[in-house]
Amino acid sequence: MKKFLIIPSILSADFCYLGNELHKLLRAGCQLIHFDLMDNHYVPNFTIGPMILKSVKNNNIPVFFDVPLMASSGDSLIPLFADLNVKFITIHPETTNPLPRTIPLIKKIGCNVGLALNPSTSLNCLDYIIKELDLILVMAVNPGFGGQVFLKNTFKKIKPIRYLINKKKSNILLSVDGGVNQSNILKIIDSGADYLVIGSAIFNFKNYLKTIKNFQNIFF
């Protein structure tokens, strides 16, 4: 069976009890958390920033973060995530110009580099940059809000990216975000995904451990 990881997206968490939410996810076996930063310019929503991650670190909560920057001025934000237990910083090609200038900024602070592809983003942007990437994030919804429905055309993007990664014999991880649930997770994994970013389908239930185990048990 192909190995995969479930990555909870805390955009759907209860922010009145964020520390407790993170501890619940740790008890459920999750050590990498998806942290959506939105600036209300690139996407029509405003969420959370590096001060939250600083508080998490100061309270010794041993989690690591995958941070997609959905912000029109992402380059200026990158240094703010240094030393905050961030494993991946993921950028959207529409927010930075040129990409070869942004990628070294991420590497400079010791983070892995991710590239996010919206439903309308062409795969052509991978042609000249794929060798610099550690992760490719396929958006299965238009970014901005949780609780959206998975766009079925996303499979037409996941499969060719998986083929491209395998052809190059690369260790790039393939992540899928948006509308992932128990009815489609098997097909997403079979299409080639390594990471499944899940928000509402986890946080809409009180028992995170049971919910995450239910996702994993689909394969047994």
N, C-alpha and C. Protein backbone atom coordinates (compact mmCIF):
# COMPACT_ATOMS: atom_id res chain seq x y z
N MET A 1 0.84 -1.20 0.00
CA MET A 1 0.00 0.00 0.00
C MET A 1 0.87 1.25 0.00
N LYS A 2 0.51 2.22 -0.82
CA LYS A 2 1.24 3.48 -0.87
C LYS A 2 1.16 4.21 0.46
N LYS A 3 2.28 4.74 0.91
CA LYS A 3 2.30 5.51 2.16
C LYS A 3 1.76 6.91 1.91
N PHE A 4 1.05 7.44 2.89
CA PHE A 4 0.52 8.80 2.78
C PHE A 4 0.40 9.39 4.18
N LEU A 5 0.32 10.71 4.24
CA LEU A 5 0.13 11.40 5.51
C LEU A 5 -1.11 12.27 5.45
N ILE A 6 -1.85 12.28 6.55
CA ILE A 6 -2.98 13.20 6.69
C ILE A 6 -2.47 14.45 7.41
N ILE A 7 -2.66 15.59 6.78
CA ILE A 7 -2.18 16.87 7.32
C ILE A 7 -3.39 17.74 7.69
N PRO A 8 -3.71 17.87 8.97
CA PRO A 8 -4.87 18.69 9.36
C PRO A 8 -4.63 20.17 9.04
N SER A 9 -5.66 20.82 8.53
CA SER A 9 -5.60 22.25 8.26
C SER A 9 -6.29 23.01 9.39
N ILE A 10 -5.51 23.79 10.13
CA ILE A 10 -6.10 24.45 11.30
C ILE A 10 -6.95 25.65 10.95
N LEU A 11 -7.10 25.94 9.66
CA LEU A 11 -8.07 26.96 9.26
C LEU A 11 -9.46 26.62 9.77
N SER A 12 -9.73 25.32 9.91
CA SER A 12 -11.05 24.86 10.36
C SER A 12 -11.12 24.62 11.87
N ALA A 13 -10.02 24.87 12.58
CA ALA A 13 -9.99 24.61 14.02
C ALA A 13 -10.75 25.68 14.81
N ASP A 14 -10.96 25.42 16.09
CA ASP A 14 -11.58 26.39 17.00
C ASP A 14 -10.46 27.24 17.61
N PHE A 15 -10.35 28.48 17.17
CA PHE A 15 -9.22 29.31 17.58
C PHE A 15 -9.32 29.83 19.01
N CYS A 16 -10.46 29.65 19.63
CA CYS A 16 -10.56 29.95 21.06
C CYS A 16 -9.76 28.94 21.89
N TYR A 17 -9.52 27.76 21.30
CA TYR A 17 -8.84 26.69 22.02
C TYR A 17 -7.73 26.11 21.14
N LEU A 18 -6.98 26.98 20.47
CA LEU A 18 -6.03 26.49 19.48
C LEU A 18 -4.97 25.57 20.08
N GLY A 19 -4.45 25.92 21.26
CA GLY A 19 -3.46 25.05 21.90
C GLY A 19 -4.03 23.67 22.17
N ASN A 20 -5.25 23.62 22.70
CA ASN A 20 -5.90 22.34 22.96
C ASN A 20 -6.13 21.56 21.67
N GLU A 21 -6.51 22.29 20.61
CA GLU A 21 -6.73 21.64 19.32
C GLU A 21 -5.46 20.96 18.83
N LEU A 22 -4.33 21.67 18.95
CA LEU A 22 -3.06 21.12 18.50
C LEU A 22 -2.66 19.90 19.33
N HIS A 23 -2.89 19.95 20.64
CA HIS A 23 -2.57 18.79 21.48
C HIS A 23 -3.44 17.59 21.10
N LYS A 24 -4.69 17.82 20.74
CA LYS A 24 -5.55 16.72 20.30
C LYS A 24 -5.01 16.09 19.02
N LEU A 25 -4.53 16.95 18.11
CA LEU A 25 -3.99 16.43 16.86
C LEU A 25 -2.71 15.64 17.10
N LEU A 26 -1.90 16.09 18.05
CA LEU A 26 -0.70 15.34 18.41
C LEU A 26 -1.06 13.96 18.96
N ARG A 27 -2.08 13.91 19.80
CA ARG A 27 -2.51 12.62 20.36
C ARG A 27 -3.07 11.71 19.27
N ALA A 28 -3.56 12.33 18.19
CA ALA A 28 -4.08 11.54 17.07
C ALA A 28 -2.96 11.10 16.12
N GLY A 29 -1.73 11.48 16.45
CA GLY A 29 -0.59 11.05 15.65
C GLY A 29 -0.15 12.01 14.57
N CYS A 30 -0.69 13.23 14.57
CA CYS A 30 -0.34 14.23 13.56
C CYS A 30 0.77 15.14 14.09
N GLN A 31 1.85 15.25 13.34
CA GLN A 31 2.96 16.10 13.74
C GLN A 31 3.26 17.20 12.74
N LEU A 32 2.57 17.18 11.59
CA LEU A 32 2.69 18.25 10.60
C LEU A 32 1.32 18.86 10.40
N ILE A 33 1.25 20.19 10.57
CA ILE A 33 -0.04 20.91 10.53
C ILE A 33 -0.01 21.93 9.40
N HIS A 34 -1.11 22.01 8.67
CA HIS A 34 -1.25 22.96 7.57
C HIS A 34 -1.73 24.29 8.14
N PHE A 35 -1.00 25.36 7.82
CA PHE A 35 -1.23 26.68 8.41
C PHE A 35 -1.45 27.69 7.29
N ASP A 36 -2.72 27.94 6.95
CA ASP A 36 -3.05 28.82 5.83
C ASP A 36 -2.91 30.29 6.20
N LEU A 37 -2.00 30.98 5.52
CA LEU A 37 -1.89 32.42 5.69
C LEU A 37 -2.56 33.11 4.50
N MET A 38 -3.57 33.93 4.78
CA MET A 38 -4.31 34.65 3.74
C MET A 38 -4.35 36.13 4.08
N ASP A 39 -4.19 36.98 3.06
CA ASP A 39 -4.02 38.41 3.32
C ASP A 39 -5.20 39.28 2.87
N ASN A 40 -6.28 38.66 2.37
CA ASN A 40 -7.45 39.39 1.88
C ASN A 40 -7.15 40.22 0.64
N HIS A 41 -6.05 39.92 -0.02
CA HIS A 41 -5.72 40.56 -1.30
C HIS A 41 -5.61 39.49 -2.39
N TYR A 42 -4.72 38.55 -2.18
CA TYR A 42 -4.59 37.47 -3.16
C TYR A 42 -5.82 36.57 -3.12
N VAL A 43 -6.36 36.33 -1.93
CA VAL A 43 -7.61 35.58 -1.78
C VAL A 43 -8.58 36.42 -0.93
N PRO A 44 -9.88 36.20 -1.07
CA PRO A 44 -10.87 37.02 -0.36
C PRO A 44 -11.12 36.56 1.07
N ASN A 45 -10.05 36.43 1.83
CA ASN A 45 -10.19 36.03 3.22
C ASN A 45 -8.94 36.49 3.96
N PHE A 46 -9.07 36.70 5.26
CA PHE A 46 -7.94 37.14 6.10
C PHE A 46 -7.85 36.18 7.27
N THR A 47 -6.65 35.58 7.45
CA THR A 47 -6.58 34.55 8.48
C THR A 47 -5.51 34.88 9.52
N ILE A 48 -4.43 34.12 9.56
CA ILE A 48 -3.51 34.14 10.69
C ILE A 48 -2.07 34.30 10.21
N GLY A 49 -1.19 34.76 11.13
CA GLY A 49 0.18 35.04 10.74
C GLY A 49 1.21 34.41 11.66
N PRO A 50 2.48 34.78 11.48
CA PRO A 50 3.57 34.13 12.22
C PRO A 50 3.52 34.32 13.73
N MET A 51 2.83 35.34 14.23
CA MET A 51 2.73 35.52 15.68
C MET A 51 2.06 34.32 16.35
N ILE A 52 1.13 33.68 15.63
CA ILE A 52 0.47 32.49 16.17
C ILE A 52 1.48 31.37 16.34
N LEU A 53 2.33 31.19 15.32
CA LEU A 53 3.33 30.12 15.40
C LEU A 53 4.36 30.41 16.48
N LYS A 54 4.65 31.67 16.70
CA LYS A 54 5.58 32.04 17.77
C LYS A 54 5.00 31.64 19.13
N SER A 55 3.70 31.86 19.31
CA SER A 55 3.05 31.48 20.56
C SER A 55 3.06 29.97 20.74
N VAL A 56 2.84 29.24 19.64
CA VAL A 56 2.87 27.77 19.71
C VAL A 56 4.26 27.30 20.15
N LYS A 57 5.29 27.88 19.55
CA LYS A 57 6.65 27.48 19.91
C LYS A 57 6.98 27.87 21.35
N ASN A 58 6.57 29.06 21.77
CA ASN A 58 6.85 29.52 23.14
C ASN A 58 6.17 28.66 24.19
N ASN A 59 5.09 27.99 23.79
CA ASN A 59 4.38 27.11 24.71
C ASN A 59 4.80 25.65 24.55
N ASN A 60 5.91 25.45 23.81
CA ASN A 60 6.53 24.12 23.70
C ASN A 60 5.59 23.05 23.17
N ILE A 61 4.74 23.42 22.21
CA ILE A 61 3.89 22.43 21.54
C ILE A 61 4.69 21.86 20.38
N PRO A 62 5.05 20.57 20.44
CA PRO A 62 6.01 20.00 19.49
C PRO A 62 5.42 19.61 18.14
N VAL A 63 4.93 20.61 17.40
CA VAL A 63 4.39 20.35 16.07
C VAL A 63 5.20 21.13 15.04
N PHE A 64 5.16 20.63 13.81
CA PHE A 64 5.78 21.32 12.69
C PHE A 64 4.70 21.77 11.73
N PHE A 65 5.00 22.81 10.96
CA PHE A 65 3.98 23.43 10.12
C PHE A 65 4.36 23.44 8.65
N ASP A 66 3.32 23.30 7.85
CA ASP A 66 3.38 23.48 6.40
C ASP A 66 2.62 24.79 6.16
N VAL A 67 3.34 25.82 5.68
CA VAL A 67 2.75 27.16 5.58
C VAL A 67 2.60 27.58 4.12
N PRO A 68 1.38 27.54 3.58
CA PRO A 68 1.15 28.12 2.25
C PRO A 68 0.87 29.62 2.37
N LEU A 69 1.62 30.41 1.61
CA LEU A 69 1.47 31.86 1.67
C LEU A 69 0.50 32.32 0.58
N MET A 70 -0.73 32.56 0.97
CA MET A 70 -1.72 33.09 0.03
C MET A 70 -1.80 34.60 0.25
N ALA A 71 -0.70 35.26 -0.15
CA ALA A 71 -0.54 36.69 0.11
C ALA A 71 0.15 37.34 -1.07
N SER A 72 -0.29 38.53 -1.42
CA SER A 72 0.26 39.21 -2.59
C SER A 72 1.67 39.72 -2.36
N SER A 73 2.10 39.81 -1.11
CA SER A 73 3.47 40.25 -0.80
C SER A 73 4.19 39.18 0.00
N GLY A 74 4.15 37.95 -0.51
CA GLY A 74 4.67 36.81 0.23
C GLY A 74 6.15 36.89 0.52
N ASP A 75 6.94 37.48 -0.38
CA ASP A 75 8.39 37.52 -0.18
C ASP A 75 8.76 38.23 1.12
N SER A 76 8.06 39.29 1.44
CA SER A 76 8.39 40.03 2.65
C SER A 76 8.00 39.29 3.92
N LEU A 77 7.11 38.31 3.80
CA LEU A 77 6.66 37.54 4.96
C LEU A 77 7.58 36.38 5.28
N ILE A 78 8.29 35.89 4.29
CA ILE A 78 9.08 34.67 4.45
C ILE A 78 10.05 34.73 5.64
N PRO A 79 10.84 35.80 5.81
CA PRO A 79 11.79 35.83 6.94
C PRO A 79 11.12 35.76 8.31
N LEU A 80 9.84 36.13 8.39
CA LEU A 80 9.14 36.13 9.67
C LEU A 80 8.89 34.72 10.20
N PHE A 81 9.05 33.71 9.33
CA PHE A 81 8.78 32.33 9.74
C PHE A 81 10.05 31.58 10.13
N ALA A 82 11.17 32.27 10.17
CA ALA A 82 12.42 31.62 10.59
C ALA A 82 12.32 31.14 12.03
N ASP A 83 12.81 29.94 12.29
CA ASP A 83 12.88 29.38 13.65
C ASP A 83 11.52 29.23 14.32
N LEU A 84 10.48 28.96 13.54
CA LEU A 84 9.14 28.78 14.11
C LEU A 84 8.58 27.39 13.81
N ASN A 85 9.46 26.40 13.71
CA ASN A 85 9.06 25.01 13.46
C ASN A 85 8.29 24.85 12.15
N VAL A 86 8.69 25.63 11.15
CA VAL A 86 8.07 25.53 9.83
C VAL A 86 8.90 24.60 8.96
N LYS A 87 8.28 23.53 8.48
CA LYS A 87 8.98 22.56 7.64
C LYS A 87 8.91 22.94 6.17
N PHE A 88 7.73 23.40 5.72
CA PHE A 88 7.53 23.80 4.33
C PHE A 88 6.95 25.21 4.28
N ILE A 89 7.46 26.03 3.38
CA ILE A 89 6.79 27.26 2.99
C ILE A 89 6.40 27.11 1.52
N THR A 90 5.11 27.24 1.27
CA THR A 90 4.58 26.99 -0.07
C THR A 90 4.08 28.31 -0.66
N ILE A 91 4.50 28.58 -1.88
CA ILE A 91 4.16 29.83 -2.54
C ILE A 91 3.30 29.58 -3.77
N HIS A 92 2.49 30.55 -4.11
CA HIS A 92 1.70 30.51 -5.34
C HIS A 92 2.43 31.29 -6.42
N PRO A 93 2.59 30.74 -7.61
CA PRO A 93 3.35 31.44 -8.66
C PRO A 93 2.77 32.79 -9.03
N GLU A 94 1.47 32.98 -8.80
CA GLU A 94 0.83 34.25 -9.15
C GLU A 94 1.22 35.39 -8.20
N THR A 95 1.79 35.03 -7.04
CA THR A 95 2.07 36.06 -6.03
C THR A 95 3.50 36.54 -6.03
N THR A 96 4.35 35.95 -6.86
CA THR A 96 5.76 36.31 -6.82
C THR A 96 6.33 36.37 -8.22
N ASN A 97 7.23 37.29 -8.43
CA ASN A 97 7.85 37.44 -9.74
C ASN A 97 9.26 37.97 -9.58
N PRO A 98 10.28 37.20 -9.97
CA PRO A 98 10.17 35.84 -10.50
C PRO A 98 10.33 34.81 -9.39
N LEU A 99 9.89 33.58 -9.65
CA LEU A 99 10.03 32.50 -8.68
C LEU A 99 11.48 32.23 -8.28
N PRO A 100 12.44 32.26 -9.23
CA PRO A 100 13.83 31.98 -8.83
C PRO A 100 14.39 32.96 -7.81
N ARG A 101 13.75 34.09 -7.63
CA ARG A 101 14.20 35.04 -6.62
C ARG A 101 13.60 34.72 -5.26
N THR A 102 12.42 34.13 -5.24
CA THR A 102 11.72 33.82 -3.99
C THR A 102 12.24 32.54 -3.34
N ILE A 103 12.52 31.55 -4.15
CA ILE A 103 12.93 30.25 -3.62
C ILE A 103 14.16 30.34 -2.71
N PRO A 104 15.21 31.10 -3.07
CA PRO A 104 16.35 31.20 -2.16
C PRO A 104 16.01 31.84 -0.81
N LEU A 105 14.99 32.69 -0.77
CA LEU A 105 14.57 33.30 0.49
C LEU A 105 14.03 32.23 1.45
N ILE A 106 13.33 31.26 0.89
CA ILE A 106 12.79 30.16 1.70
C ILE A 106 13.91 29.27 2.19
N LYS A 107 14.81 28.94 1.30
CA LYS A 107 15.92 28.06 1.67
C LYS A 107 16.85 28.72 2.70
N LYS A 108 16.97 30.03 2.60
CA LYS A 108 17.87 30.77 3.50
C LYS A 108 17.46 30.61 4.96
N ILE A 109 16.16 30.49 5.23
CA ILE A 109 15.70 30.35 6.62
C ILE A 109 15.55 28.87 7.02
N GLY A 110 16.04 27.99 6.18
CA GLY A 110 16.07 26.57 6.52
C GLY A 110 14.79 25.80 6.29
N CYS A 111 13.92 26.32 5.43
CA CYS A 111 12.65 25.64 5.15
C CYS A 111 12.69 24.96 3.79
N ASN A 112 11.88 23.92 3.65
CA ASN A 112 11.68 23.29 2.35
C ASN A 112 10.74 24.13 1.50
N VAL A 113 10.88 23.99 0.18
CA VAL A 113 10.15 24.84 -0.76
C VAL A 113 8.97 24.10 -1.37
N GLY A 114 7.79 24.71 -1.27
CA GLY A 114 6.60 24.16 -1.92
C GLY A 114 6.05 25.13 -2.94
N LEU A 115 5.40 24.60 -3.96
CA LEU A 115 4.72 25.42 -4.96
C LEU A 115 3.27 24.98 -5.05
N ALA A 116 2.34 25.93 -4.89
CA ALA A 116 0.91 25.64 -4.91
C ALA A 116 0.32 25.96 -6.27
N LEU A 117 -0.51 25.06 -6.77
CA LEU A 117 -1.15 25.23 -8.07
C LEU A 117 -2.66 25.31 -7.89
N ASN A 118 -3.22 26.47 -8.19
CA ASN A 118 -4.66 26.66 -8.13
C ASN A 118 -5.34 25.88 -9.26
N PRO A 119 -6.66 25.70 -9.20
CA PRO A 119 -7.35 24.99 -10.28
C PRO A 119 -7.08 25.57 -11.67
N SER A 120 -6.87 26.88 -11.75
CA SER A 120 -6.65 27.52 -13.05
C SER A 120 -5.17 27.68 -13.41
N THR A 121 -4.26 27.26 -12.53
CA THR A 121 -2.83 27.42 -12.78
C THR A 121 -2.32 26.31 -13.69
N SER A 122 -1.62 26.71 -14.75
CA SER A 122 -1.08 25.74 -15.70
C SER A 122 0.11 24.99 -15.11
N LEU A 123 0.26 23.75 -15.51
CA LEU A 123 1.41 22.96 -15.09
C LEU A 123 2.70 23.44 -15.75
N ASN A 124 2.57 24.31 -16.73
CA ASN A 124 3.77 24.82 -17.42
C ASN A 124 4.72 25.54 -16.48
N CYS A 125 4.20 26.06 -15.37
CA CYS A 125 5.05 26.80 -14.44
C CYS A 125 6.07 25.88 -13.76
N LEU A 126 5.86 24.57 -13.87
CA LEU A 126 6.80 23.63 -13.27
C LEU A 126 8.03 23.41 -14.15
N ASP A 127 7.94 23.76 -15.42
CA ASP A 127 8.97 23.39 -16.38
C ASP A 127 10.37 23.83 -15.97
N TYR A 128 10.48 25.07 -15.49
CA TYR A 128 11.81 25.62 -15.23
C TYR A 128 12.16 25.67 -13.74
N ILE A 129 11.25 25.16 -12.88
CA ILE A 129 11.46 25.34 -11.45
C ILE A 129 11.38 24.05 -10.65
N ILE A 130 10.95 22.96 -11.28
CA ILE A 130 10.64 21.75 -10.53
C ILE A 130 11.85 21.21 -9.77
N LYS A 131 13.06 21.38 -10.30
CA LYS A 131 14.26 20.86 -9.63
C LYS A 131 14.52 21.54 -8.29
N GLU A 132 13.92 22.71 -8.06
CA GLU A 132 14.13 23.47 -6.83
C GLU A 132 13.09 23.14 -5.76
N LEU A 133 12.13 22.30 -6.09
CA LEU A 133 10.99 22.10 -5.20
C LEU A 133 11.14 20.86 -4.33
N ASP A 134 10.54 20.94 -3.13
CA ASP A 134 10.43 19.80 -2.23
C ASP A 134 9.00 19.28 -2.14
N LEU A 135 8.05 20.15 -2.52
CA LEU A 135 6.64 19.79 -2.41
C LEU A 135 5.85 20.53 -3.49
N ILE A 136 4.88 19.84 -4.07
CA ILE A 136 3.92 20.48 -4.97
C ILE A 136 2.54 20.30 -4.36
N LEU A 137 1.85 21.42 -4.14
CA LEU A 137 0.52 21.42 -3.52
C LEU A 137 -0.53 21.68 -4.60
N VAL A 138 -1.38 20.72 -4.85
CA VAL A 138 -2.46 20.86 -5.81
C VAL A 138 -3.72 21.31 -5.07
N MET A 139 -4.21 22.48 -5.44
CA MET A 139 -5.44 22.98 -4.83
C MET A 139 -6.64 22.38 -5.56
N ALA A 140 -7.48 21.68 -4.81
CA ALA A 140 -8.67 21.05 -5.38
C ALA A 140 -9.90 21.95 -5.26
N VAL A 141 -9.69 23.16 -4.75
CA VAL A 141 -10.72 24.20 -4.66
C VAL A 141 -10.03 25.53 -4.95
N ASN A 142 -10.80 26.54 -5.21
CA ASN A 142 -10.22 27.88 -5.32
C ASN A 142 -9.90 28.37 -3.91
N PRO A 143 -8.67 28.78 -3.65
CA PRO A 143 -8.25 29.07 -2.27
C PRO A 143 -8.99 30.26 -1.67
N GLY A 144 -9.15 30.19 -0.34
CA GLY A 144 -9.78 31.30 0.36
C GLY A 144 -10.66 30.88 1.52
N PHE A 145 -11.37 29.76 1.36
CA PHE A 145 -12.31 29.35 2.40
C PHE A 145 -12.32 27.84 2.55
N GLY A 146 -12.53 27.39 3.80
CA GLY A 146 -12.69 25.98 4.07
C GLY A 146 -14.09 25.52 3.75
N GLY A 147 -14.29 24.20 3.75
CA GLY A 147 -15.62 23.64 3.56
C GLY A 147 -16.10 23.58 2.12
N GLN A 148 -15.21 23.80 1.14
CA GLN A 148 -15.61 23.77 -0.26
C GLN A 148 -15.63 22.33 -0.79
N VAL A 149 -16.28 22.17 -1.94
CA VAL A 149 -16.41 20.85 -2.57
C VAL A 149 -15.22 20.60 -3.49
N PHE A 150 -14.67 19.41 -3.41
CA PHE A 150 -13.54 18.98 -4.24
C PHE A 150 -13.92 19.07 -5.72
N LEU A 151 -13.07 19.74 -6.51
CA LEU A 151 -13.29 19.87 -7.95
C LEU A 151 -12.76 18.62 -8.66
N LYS A 152 -13.64 17.92 -9.34
CA LYS A 152 -13.28 16.63 -9.94
C LYS A 152 -12.18 16.76 -11.00
N ASN A 153 -12.08 17.91 -11.66
CA ASN A 153 -11.03 18.10 -12.66
C ASN A 153 -9.63 18.04 -12.05
N THR A 154 -9.58 18.10 -10.72
CA THR A 154 -8.28 18.06 -10.04
C THR A 154 -7.52 16.78 -10.36
N PHE A 155 -8.23 15.68 -10.59
CA PHE A 155 -7.55 14.42 -10.91
C PHE A 155 -6.74 14.54 -12.19
N LYS A 156 -7.18 15.40 -13.10
CA LYS A 156 -6.45 15.60 -14.35
C LYS A 156 -5.14 16.36 -14.12
N LYS A 157 -4.99 16.93 -12.94
CA LYS A 157 -3.76 17.63 -12.59
C LYS A 157 -2.86 16.75 -11.72
N ILE A 158 -3.47 15.99 -10.81
CA ILE A 158 -2.67 15.15 -9.90
C ILE A 158 -1.89 14.10 -10.68
N LYS A 159 -2.56 13.41 -11.58
CA LYS A 159 -1.93 12.28 -12.28
C LYS A 159 -0.72 12.70 -13.12
N PRO A 160 -0.81 13.77 -13.94
CA PRO A 160 0.39 14.14 -14.71
C PRO A 160 1.54 14.65 -13.84
N ILE A 161 1.22 15.27 -12.70
CA ILE A 161 2.29 15.71 -11.80
C ILE A 161 2.98 14.49 -11.19
N ARG A 162 2.19 13.49 -10.79
CA ARG A 162 2.78 12.25 -10.27
C ARG A 162 3.68 11.59 -11.32
N TYR A 163 3.22 11.59 -12.55
CA TYR A 163 4.01 11.02 -13.65
C TYR A 163 5.31 11.78 -13.83
N LEU A 164 5.23 13.10 -13.78
CA LEU A 164 6.42 13.94 -13.95
C LEU A 164 7.43 13.71 -12.83
N ILE A 165 6.95 13.61 -11.59
CA ILE A 165 7.83 13.36 -10.44
C ILE A 165 8.52 12.01 -10.59
N ASN A 166 7.74 11.00 -10.96
CA ASN A 166 8.31 9.65 -11.11
C ASN A 166 9.30 9.59 -12.27
N LYS A 167 8.97 10.28 -13.35
CA LYS A 167 9.85 10.28 -14.53
C LYS A 167 11.21 10.87 -14.19
N LYS A 168 11.21 11.91 -13.35
CA LYS A 168 12.46 12.56 -12.96
C LYS A 168 13.14 11.85 -11.79
N LYS A 169 12.49 10.78 -11.29
CA LYS A 169 13.00 10.03 -10.14
C LYS A 169 13.29 10.98 -8.97
N SER A 170 12.34 11.85 -8.73
CA SER A 170 12.47 12.91 -7.73
C SER A 170 11.83 12.50 -6.41
N ASN A 171 12.27 13.12 -5.33
CA ASN A 171 11.68 12.91 -4.01
C ASN A 171 10.64 13.97 -3.66
N ILE A 172 10.22 14.75 -4.64
CA ILE A 172 9.22 15.78 -4.39
C ILE A 172 7.93 15.14 -3.87
N LEU A 173 7.37 15.73 -2.83
CA LEU A 173 6.11 15.26 -2.26
C LEU A 173 4.95 15.93 -2.98
N LEU A 174 3.88 15.18 -3.18
CA LEU A 174 2.69 15.69 -3.86
C LEU A 174 1.55 15.78 -2.85
N SER A 175 1.07 16.99 -2.62
CA SER A 175 0.04 17.25 -1.63
C SER A 175 -1.23 17.74 -2.31
N VAL A 176 -2.39 17.40 -1.75
CA VAL A 176 -3.68 17.83 -2.29
C VAL A 176 -4.48 18.47 -1.17
N ASP A 177 -5.06 19.63 -1.46
CA ASP A 177 -5.77 20.41 -0.45
C ASP A 177 -7.10 20.89 -1.00
N GLY A 178 -8.17 20.67 -0.23
CA GLY A 178 -9.47 21.22 -0.58
C GLY A 178 -10.52 20.15 -0.84
N GLY A 179 -11.50 20.06 0.04
CA GLY A 179 -12.62 19.15 -0.18
C GLY A 179 -12.29 17.68 -0.03
N VAL A 180 -11.17 17.36 0.61
CA VAL A 180 -10.80 15.95 0.81
C VAL A 180 -11.67 15.36 1.90
N ASN A 181 -12.28 14.22 1.62
CA ASN A 181 -13.14 13.57 2.61
C ASN A 181 -13.09 12.05 2.42
N GLN A 182 -13.88 11.32 3.19
CA GLN A 182 -13.80 9.86 3.15
C GLN A 182 -14.32 9.28 1.84
N SER A 183 -15.10 10.04 1.10
CA SER A 183 -15.65 9.51 -0.15
C SER A 183 -14.67 9.64 -1.32
N ASN A 184 -13.67 10.51 -1.20
CA ASN A 184 -12.76 10.70 -2.34
C ASN A 184 -11.29 10.44 -2.01
N ILE A 185 -10.97 10.20 -0.75
CA ILE A 185 -9.56 10.09 -0.35
C ILE A 185 -8.87 8.90 -1.04
N LEU A 186 -9.57 7.80 -1.22
CA LEU A 186 -8.95 6.63 -1.86
C LEU A 186 -8.54 6.93 -3.29
N LYS A 187 -9.41 7.61 -4.03
CA LYS A 187 -9.10 7.94 -5.42
C LYS A 187 -7.96 8.95 -5.51
N ILE A 188 -7.91 9.88 -4.54
CA ILE A 188 -6.83 10.88 -4.52
C ILE A 188 -5.49 10.20 -4.29
N ILE A 189 -5.45 9.26 -3.34
CA ILE A 189 -4.22 8.52 -3.07
C ILE A 189 -3.82 7.69 -4.29
N ASP A 190 -4.78 7.02 -4.90
CA ASP A 190 -4.50 6.19 -6.07
C ASP A 190 -4.00 7.03 -7.25
N SER A 191 -4.38 8.30 -7.26
CA SER A 191 -3.92 9.19 -8.33
C SER A 191 -2.49 9.64 -8.14
N GLY A 192 -1.95 9.46 -6.91
CA GLY A 192 -0.55 9.76 -6.70
C GLY A 192 -0.20 10.69 -5.56
N ALA A 193 -1.16 11.09 -4.75
CA ALA A 193 -0.88 12.04 -3.67
C ALA A 193 -0.12 11.37 -2.52
N ASP A 194 0.79 12.14 -1.90
CA ASP A 194 1.52 11.71 -0.71
C ASP A 194 0.92 12.31 0.56
N TYR A 195 0.50 13.58 0.48
CA TYR A 195 -0.07 14.30 1.61
C TYR A 195 -1.52 14.66 1.30
N LEU A 196 -2.40 14.48 2.28
CA LEU A 196 -3.79 14.88 2.16
C LEU A 196 -4.07 15.95 3.19
N VAL A 197 -4.29 17.18 2.74
CA VAL A 197 -4.63 18.27 3.65
C VAL A 197 -6.13 18.23 3.89
N ILE A 198 -6.52 18.11 5.17
CA ILE A 198 -7.94 17.94 5.51
C ILE A 198 -8.31 18.92 6.62
N GLY A 199 -9.36 19.68 6.38
CA GLY A 199 -9.81 20.66 7.37
C GLY A 199 -11.15 20.29 7.97
N SER A 200 -12.23 20.69 7.28
CA SER A 200 -13.58 20.50 7.81
C SER A 200 -13.89 19.05 8.12
N ALA A 201 -13.40 18.12 7.29
CA ALA A 201 -13.72 16.71 7.48
C ALA A 201 -13.06 16.11 8.72
N ILE A 202 -12.16 16.87 9.35
CA ILE A 202 -11.61 16.49 10.66
C ILE A 202 -12.25 17.31 11.76
N PHE A 203 -12.23 18.63 11.62
CA PHE A 203 -12.61 19.52 12.72
C PHE A 203 -14.12 19.63 12.93
N ASN A 204 -14.90 19.10 12.01
CA ASN A 204 -16.35 19.07 12.23
C ASN A 204 -16.75 17.97 13.21
N PHE A 205 -15.77 17.17 13.65
CA PHE A 205 -16.04 16.07 14.59
C PHE A 205 -15.22 16.28 15.87
N LYS A 206 -15.79 15.98 17.00
CA LYS A 206 -15.12 16.22 18.28
C LYS A 206 -13.96 15.25 18.52
N ASN A 207 -14.12 14.01 18.08
CA ASN A 207 -13.11 12.99 18.33
C ASN A 207 -12.13 12.94 17.15
N TYR A 208 -11.05 13.75 17.23
CA TYR A 208 -10.12 13.82 16.12
C TYR A 208 -9.38 12.50 15.90
N LEU A 209 -9.03 11.84 17.00
CA LEU A 209 -8.31 10.58 16.88
C LEU A 209 -9.15 9.56 16.10
N LYS A 210 -10.41 9.44 16.45
CA LYS A 210 -11.29 8.50 15.77
C LYS A 210 -11.49 8.90 14.31
N THR A 211 -11.65 10.18 14.06
CA THR A 211 -11.87 10.66 12.69
C THR A 211 -10.66 10.39 11.80
N ILE A 212 -9.48 10.68 12.32
CA ILE A 212 -8.26 10.45 11.55
C ILE A 212 -8.04 8.96 11.33
N LYS A 213 -8.31 8.14 12.36
CA LYS A 213 -8.20 6.69 12.21
C LYS A 213 -9.18 6.17 11.16
N ASN A 214 -10.38 6.76 11.10
CA ASN A 214 -11.34 6.37 10.10
C ASN A 214 -10.83 6.61 8.69
N PHE A 215 -10.13 7.73 8.49
CA PHE A 215 -9.51 7.99 7.19
C PHE A 215 -8.47 6.93 6.88
N GLN A 216 -7.64 6.63 7.84
CA GLN A 216 -6.57 5.65 7.61
C GLN A 216 -7.12 4.25 7.40
N ASN A 217 -8.21 3.92 8.07
CA ASN A 217 -8.76 2.57 7.98
C ASN A 217 -9.46 2.28 6.65
N ILE A 218 -9.70 3.32 5.85
CA ILE A 218 -10.30 3.11 4.53
C ILE A 218 -9.43 2.19 3.70
N PHE A 219 -8.14 2.14 3.98
CA PHE A 219 -7.20 1.39 3.16
C PHE A 219 -6.98 -0.03 3.66
N PHE A 220 -7.72 -0.42 4.71
CA PHE A 220 -7.51 -1.77 5.27
C PHE A 220 -8.82 -2.56 5.24
